[in-house]
């Protein structure tokens, strides 16, 4: 029985981290404050390419022609959005 409890607690922890991280990432790409949030940039870096591109496109539409945050740059100098 203790092994089952350990598995259930581990599973619950994974669910909380995945849902919490995903929600925090969406808040980052949909925010209107700043594209340079450190936690958001980190979470965006862990996303698959398609989701990261969608998030970067959403932020580019919101913030216009500011420099892209880390992970959203398309050129070597980091001045163009992906």
C-alpha atoms as a PDB file:
ATOM      1  CA  UNK A   1       0.000   0.000   0.000  1.00  0.00           C
ATOM      2  CA  UNK A   2       2.783   2.566   0.687  1.00  0.00           C
ATOM      3  CA  UNK A   3       4.076   2.091  -2.887  1.00  0.00           C
ATOM      4  CA  UNK A   4       0.602   2.933  -4.256  1.00  0.00           C
ATOM      5  CA  UNK A   5       0.452   6.084  -2.130  1.00  0.00           C
ATOM      6  CA  UNK A   6       3.907   7.110  -3.335  1.00  0.00           C
ATOM      7  CA  UNK A   7       2.847   6.643  -6.960  1.00  0.00           C
ATOM      8  CA  UNK A   8      -0.373   8.629  -6.459  1.00  0.00           C
ATOM      9  CA  UNK A   9       1.437  11.502  -4.744  1.00  0.00           C
ATOM     10  CA  UNK A  10       4.051  11.582  -7.514  1.00  0.00           C
ATOM     11  CA  UNK A  11       1.340  11.586 -10.178  1.00  0.00           C
ATOM     12  CA  UNK A  12      -0.523  14.404  -8.421  1.00  0.00           C
ATOM     13  CA  UNK A  13       2.681  16.436  -8.248  1.00  0.00           C
ATOM     14  CA  UNK A  14       3.335  15.963 -11.959  1.00  0.00           C
ATOM     15  CA  UNK A  15      -0.218  17.073 -12.805  1.00  0.00           C
ATOM     16  CA  UNK A  16       0.115  20.218 -10.671  1.00  0.00           C
ATOM     17  CA  UNK A  17       3.455  21.135 -12.261  1.00  0.00           C
ATOM     18  CA  UNK A  18       2.217  20.551 -15.826  1.00  0.00           C
ATOM     19  CA  UNK A  19      -1.041  22.444 -15.381  1.00  0.00           C
ATOM     20  CA  UNK A  20       0.577  25.229 -13.370  1.00  0.00           C
ATOM     21  CA  UNK A  21       3.464  25.607 -15.806  1.00  0.00           C
ATOM     22  CA  UNK A  22       1.159  25.599 -18.823  1.00  0.00           C
ATOM     23  CA  UNK A  23      -1.094  28.208 -17.268  1.00  0.00           C
ATOM     24  CA  UNK A  24       1.854  30.369 -16.349  1.00  0.00           C
ATOM     25  CA  UNK A  25       3.219  30.087 -19.899  1.00  0.00           C
ATOM     26  CA  UNK A  26      -0.116  31.136 -21.402  1.00  0.00           C
ATOM     27  CA  UNK A  27      -0.269  34.084 -19.005  1.00  0.00           C
ATOM     28  CA  UNK A  28       3.190  35.094 -20.243  1.00  0.00           C
ATOM     29  CA  UNK A  29       2.358  35.011 -23.955  1.00  0.00           C
ATOM     30  CA  UNK A  30      -1.056  36.644 -23.473  1.00  0.00           C
ATOM     31  CA  UNK A  31       0.087  39.393 -21.082  1.00  0.00           C
ATOM     32  CA  UNK A  32       0.236  43.063 -21.919  1.00  0.00           C
ATOM     33  CA  UNK A  33       2.907  44.114 -19.413  1.00  0.00           C
ATOM     34  CA  UNK A  34       6.247  42.942 -20.815  1.00  0.00           C
ATOM     35  CA  UNK A  35       7.659  40.234 -23.092  1.00  0.00           C
ATOM     36  CA  UNK A  36      10.816  40.082 -20.944  1.00  0.00           C
ATOM     37  CA  UNK A  37       9.510  38.127 -17.931  1.00  0.00           C
ATOM     38  CA  UNK A  38      12.282  35.710 -16.871  1.00  0.00           C
ATOM     39  CA  UNK A  39       9.990  32.862 -15.836  1.00  0.00           C
ATOM     40  CA  UNK A  40       7.914  33.215 -18.993  1.00  0.00           C
ATOM     41  CA  UNK A  41      11.008  33.188 -21.187  1.00  0.00           C
ATOM     42  CA  UNK A  42      12.198  30.010 -19.471  1.00  0.00           C
ATOM     43  CA  UNK A  43       8.825  28.283 -19.842  1.00  0.00           C
ATOM     44  CA  UNK A  44       8.607  29.376 -23.476  1.00  0.00           C
ATOM     45  CA  UNK A  45      11.993  27.788 -24.098  1.00  0.00           C
ATOM     46  CA  UNK A  46      10.664  24.412 -22.933  1.00  0.00           C
ATOM     47  CA  UNK A  47       7.664  24.489 -25.277  1.00  0.00           C
ATOM     48  CA  UNK A  48       7.629  22.528 -28.538  1.00  0.00           C
ATOM     49  CA  UNK A  49       8.525  24.631 -31.564  1.00  0.00           C
ATOM     50  CA  UNK A  50       4.935  25.018 -32.792  1.00  0.00           C
ATOM     51  CA  UNK A  51       3.683  26.312 -29.419  1.00  0.00           C
ATOM     52  CA  UNK A  52       6.715  28.542 -28.958  1.00  0.00           C
ATOM     53  CA  UNK A  53       6.163  30.046 -32.433  1.00  0.00           C
ATOM     54  CA  UNK A  54       2.480  30.629 -31.665  1.00  0.00           C
ATOM     55  CA  UNK A  55       3.388  32.326 -28.383  1.00  0.00           C
ATOM     56  CA  UNK A  56       6.049  34.472 -30.032  1.00  0.00           C
ATOM     57  CA  UNK A  57       3.607  35.480 -32.783  1.00  0.00           C
ATOM     58  CA  UNK A  58       1.040  36.438 -30.153  1.00  0.00           C
ATOM     59  CA  UNK A  59       3.580  38.557 -28.262  1.00  0.00           C
ATOM     60  CA  UNK A  60       4.818  40.156 -31.503  1.00  0.00           C
ATOM     61  CA  UNK A  61       1.247  41.174 -32.321  1.00  0.00           C
ATOM     62  CA  UNK A  62       0.861  42.654 -28.835  1.00  0.00           C
ATOM     63  CA  UNK A  63       4.196  44.443 -28.482  1.00  0.00           C
ATOM     64  CA  UNK A  64       4.915  45.429 -32.069  1.00  0.00           C
ATOM     65  CA  UNK A  65       8.481  46.104 -33.086  1.00  0.00           C
ATOM     66  CA  UNK A  66      10.317  45.817 -29.761  1.00  0.00           C
ATOM     67  CA  UNK A  67      13.272  43.440 -29.558  1.00  0.00           C
ATOM     68  CA  UNK A  68      12.081  39.838 -29.207  1.00  0.00           C
ATOM     69  CA  UNK A  69      12.705  38.032 -25.933  1.00  0.00           C
ATOM     70  CA  UNK A  70      15.137  35.121 -25.794  1.00  0.00           C
ATOM     71  CA  UNK A  71      13.686  32.191 -27.735  1.00  0.00           C
ATOM     72  CA  UNK A  72      11.639  34.343 -30.114  1.00  0.00           C
ATOM     73  CA  UNK A  73      14.457  35.745 -32.196  1.00  0.00           C
ATOM     74  CA  UNK A  74      14.781  34.507 -35.783  1.00  0.00           C
ATOM     75  CA  UNK A  75      18.126  36.030 -36.709  1.00  0.00           C
ATOM     76  CA  UNK A  76      21.591  35.569 -35.257  1.00  0.00           C
ATOM     77  CA  UNK A  77      21.618  39.101 -33.871  1.00  0.00           C
ATOM     78  CA  UNK A  78      18.238  38.546 -32.129  1.00  0.00           C
ATOM     79  CA  UNK A  79      16.592  41.614 -33.632  1.00  0.00           C
ATOM     80  CA  UNK A  80      13.925  39.888 -35.747  1.00  0.00           C
ATOM     81  CA  UNK A  81      10.972  37.863 -34.496  1.00  0.00           C
ATOM     82  CA  UNK A  82      10.579  34.239 -35.553  1.00  0.00           C
END
